[in-house]
Amino acid sequence: MNLSHQVLKIRYRLLHKTPPELPKAVTNFGEKARILQASVNEMTTHLNTLYPGGAILVRTDENREYLRSTLKSSLVFTIEEAKALEFDTVFLLDFFQYWQKRGEYYFKAEFYLQAIECFEKSGDKFKEKKSRAKLLQREGNYQEAAAIFVDLEKWQPAAELFQRVKNWQLAANC
């Protein structure tokens, strides 16, 4: 329960939101969660020093096998494998980057609503706004979409959308 609370707190912190009230855990062992942002390659030296009470949690079987091979350690688990196990130290790898990758996938496929959700969960406000602007544009809300493009300093699409609604002054200002 403590791990799930810590993961939720990290998620809300990355999204710059206030977490909901969580049920109290029975006990509270160990240090509070910290966010380390680095590539797997950059973290390899730190991860190589895992001791028996530590673990690395990943999202997919492929990530697990890659890290087990790279780190020469069996202390790499998927979330499903780690259920009901207890660890002193836990590293969560690529949990929020996954949302980013899925958002880019949906954006490219022009599934803007899904991209918005993924970018929101990854904490990428710029791409979330860009996806929202594209969705509004597709829905015919050109004025709103153009305003978002201006906020993102995407002048060309903003000008084109302002022209569509015959707002010549704002188009010229882009």
Protein backbone atom coordinates (compact mmCIF):
# COMPACT_ATOMS: atom_id res chain seq x y z
CA MET A 1 0.00 0.00 0.00
CA ASN A 2 2.85 2.40 0.76
CA LEU A 3 4.38 1.86 -2.69
CA SER A 4 1.07 2.52 -4.43
CA HIS A 5 0.61 5.70 -2.37
CA GLN A 6 4.10 6.88 -3.28
CA VAL A 7 3.53 6.17 -6.99
CA LEU A 8 0.26 8.12 -6.90
CA LYS A 9 1.93 11.03 -5.12
CA ILE A 10 4.71 11.10 -7.74
CA ARG A 11 2.16 11.01 -10.54
CA TYR A 12 0.20 13.93 -9.12
CA ARG A 13 3.39 15.88 -8.43
CA LEU A 14 4.48 15.45 -12.07
CA LEU A 15 1.04 16.55 -13.23
CA HIS A 16 1.18 19.57 -10.90
CA LYS A 17 -2.10 18.51 -9.27
CA THR A 18 -3.17 17.92 -5.69
CA PRO A 19 -3.63 14.22 -4.96
CA PRO A 20 -6.92 13.01 -3.51
CA GLU A 21 -7.05 11.97 0.14
CA LEU A 22 -5.57 8.47 0.29
CA PRO A 23 -6.41 5.88 2.95
CA LYS A 24 -3.82 5.71 5.71
CA ALA A 25 -1.27 2.92 5.45
CA VAL A 26 -0.87 0.70 8.48
CA THR A 27 2.83 1.47 8.80
CA ASN A 28 5.30 3.75 7.09
CA PHE A 29 8.78 2.37 6.56
CA GLY A 30 11.66 3.86 4.65
CA GLU A 31 12.27 7.16 3.00
CA LYS A 32 9.80 9.18 0.98
CA ALA A 33 9.78 8.70 -2.77
CA ARG A 34 12.11 10.84 -4.87
CA ILE A 35 12.07 11.49 -8.59
CA LEU A 36 15.26 10.87 -10.54
CA GLN A 37 15.02 11.79 -14.18
CA ALA A 38 17.71 10.17 -16.28
CA SER A 39 18.02 7.66 -19.06
CA VAL A 40 18.50 3.99 -18.22
CA ASN A 41 22.10 4.28 -19.46
CA GLU A 42 22.78 7.20 -17.10
CA MET A 43 21.27 5.33 -14.17
CA THR A 44 23.03 2.03 -14.84
CA THR A 45 25.84 2.74 -12.38
CA HIS A 46 23.34 3.49 -9.61
CA LEU A 47 21.16 0.54 -10.47
CA ASN A 48 24.16 -1.81 -10.53
CA THR A 49 24.62 -1.19 -6.81
CA LEU A 50 21.27 -2.72 -5.84
CA TYR A 51 21.35 -4.67 -2.64
CA PRO A 52 19.02 -7.60 -1.77
CA GLY A 53 16.36 -5.29 -0.29
CA GLY A 54 16.09 -3.25 -3.47
CA ALA A 55 14.15 -3.77 -6.68
CA ILE A 56 13.52 -2.19 -10.05
CA LEU A 57 9.95 -2.14 -11.32
CA VAL A 58 9.17 -1.80 -15.01
CA ARG A 59 5.99 -1.82 -17.10
CA THR A 60 6.70 -4.55 -19.62
CA ASP A 61 8.29 -7.98 -19.88
CA GLU A 62 10.60 -6.63 -22.60
CA ASN A 63 11.92 -3.91 -20.28
CA ARG A 64 12.37 -6.48 -17.52
CA GLU A 65 14.43 -8.80 -19.71
CA TYR A 66 16.51 -5.94 -21.12
CA LEU A 67 17.38 -4.62 -17.66
CA ARG A 68 18.01 -8.06 -16.20
CA SER A 69 20.48 -8.66 -18.99
CA THR A 70 22.07 -5.20 -18.85
CA LEU A 71 22.38 -5.09 -15.07
CA LYS A 72 23.02 -8.80 -14.64
CA SER A 73 20.42 -8.81 -11.88
CA SER A 74 17.26 -10.77 -11.24
CA LEU A 75 15.92 -7.97 -9.01
CA VAL A 76 13.96 -6.46 -11.91
CA PHE A 77 10.21 -7.09 -11.84
CA THR A 78 7.06 -6.07 -13.65
CA ILE A 79 4.33 -4.58 -11.48
CA GLU A 80 2.38 -7.83 -11.68
CA GLU A 81 5.37 -9.85 -10.44
CA ALA A 82 6.03 -7.45 -7.55
CA LYS A 83 2.54 -7.66 -6.06
CA ALA A 84 2.64 -8.74 -2.41
CA LEU A 85 6.45 -8.46 -2.29
CA GLU A 86 8.16 -5.93 -0.03
CA PHE A 87 11.30 -3.96 -0.84
CA ASP A 88 13.36 -1.40 1.04
CA THR A 89 14.15 0.62 -2.09
CA VAL A 90 12.22 0.62 -5.36
CA PHE A 91 13.17 2.22 -8.67
CA LEU A 92 10.34 2.80 -11.15
CA LEU A 93 11.68 2.99 -14.69
CA ASP A 94 9.91 4.40 -17.75
CA PHE A 95 6.54 4.62 -16.03
CA PHE A 96 5.71 8.13 -17.15
CA GLN A 97 7.76 8.04 -20.37
CA TYR A 98 5.35 5.34 -21.54
CA TRP A 99 2.51 7.89 -21.50
CA GLN A 100 4.67 10.22 -23.57
CA LYS A 101 5.34 7.56 -26.22
CA ARG A 102 1.67 6.56 -26.39
CA GLY A 103 0.68 10.22 -26.71
CA GLU A 104 3.03 10.64 -29.66
CA TYR A 105 1.59 7.49 -31.23
CA TYR A 106 -1.98 8.77 -30.87
CA PHE A 107 -1.05 12.25 -32.07
CA LYS A 108 0.54 10.86 -35.23
CA ALA A 109 -2.58 8.73 -35.84
CA GLU A 110 -4.71 11.88 -35.32
CA PHE A 111 -6.45 10.45 -32.24
CA TYR A 112 -6.14 13.79 -30.49
CA LEU A 113 -8.44 13.10 -27.55
CA GLN A 114 -6.36 10.05 -26.59
CA ALA A 115 -3.15 12.01 -27.15
CA ILE A 116 -4.39 14.74 -24.80
CA GLU A 117 -4.97 12.20 -22.04
CA CYS A 118 -1.56 10.58 -22.51
CA PHE A 119 0.32 13.89 -22.57
CA GLU A 120 -1.60 15.04 -19.51
CA LYS A 121 -0.55 11.90 -17.64
CA SER A 122 3.04 12.27 -18.80
CA GLY A 123 3.12 15.89 -17.65
CA ASP A 124 3.95 17.29 -21.12
CA LYS A 125 1.84 20.46 -21.13
CA PHE A 126 3.14 21.68 -24.51
CA LYS A 127 2.11 18.54 -26.40
CA GLU A 128 -1.14 18.35 -24.45
CA LYS A 129 -2.04 21.88 -25.63
CA LYS A 130 -0.93 21.14 -29.19
CA SER A 131 -3.15 18.04 -29.25
CA ARG A 132 -6.04 20.07 -27.84
CA ALA A 133 -5.56 22.71 -30.55
CA LYS A 134 -5.57 20.04 -33.27
CA LEU A 135 -8.73 18.49 -31.81
CA LEU A 136 -10.47 21.89 -31.71
CA GLN A 137 -9.36 22.57 -35.26
CA ARG A 138 -10.79 19.25 -36.45
CA GLU A 139 -14.07 20.02 -34.64
CA GLY A 140 -14.29 23.38 -36.40
CA ASN A 141 -13.52 25.53 -33.33
CA TYR A 142 -10.96 27.53 -35.29
CA GLN A 143 -10.89 30.60 -33.04
CA GLU A 144 -10.16 28.53 -29.91
CA ALA A 145 -7.61 26.39 -31.72
CA ALA A 146 -5.86 29.48 -33.08
CA ALA A 147 -5.65 30.99 -29.59
CA ILE A 148 -3.91 27.86 -28.32
CA PHE A 149 -1.50 27.91 -31.27
CA VAL A 150 -0.66 31.54 -30.40
CA ASP A 151 -0.02 30.50 -26.79
CA LEU A 152 2.33 27.80 -28.14
CA GLU A 153 3.97 30.33 -30.49
CA LYS A 154 2.95 28.26 -33.51
CA TRP A 155 2.34 31.31 -35.67
CA GLN A 156 1.63 29.71 -39.07
CA PRO A 157 -1.27 27.46 -38.00
CA ALA A 158 -2.62 30.26 -35.77
CA ALA A 159 -2.64 32.73 -38.68
CA GLU A 160 -4.32 30.23 -41.02
CA LEU A 161 -7.06 29.52 -38.47
CA PHE A 162 -7.66 33.20 -37.75
CA GLN A 163 -8.03 33.70 -41.52
CA ARG A 164 -10.67 30.95 -41.63
CA VAL A 165 -12.80 32.89 -39.16
CA LYS A 166 -12.04 36.15 -40.97
CA ASN A 167 -10.22 37.64 -38.01
CA TRP A 168 -7.74 39.48 -40.23
CA GLN A 169 -6.14 41.58 -37.50
CA LEU A 170 -5.19 38.61 -35.35
CA ALA A 171 -4.01 36.72 -38.44
CA ALA A 172 -1.79 39.66 -39.36
CA ASN A 173 -0.35 39.78 -35.85
CA CYS A 174 0.85 36.21 -36.19
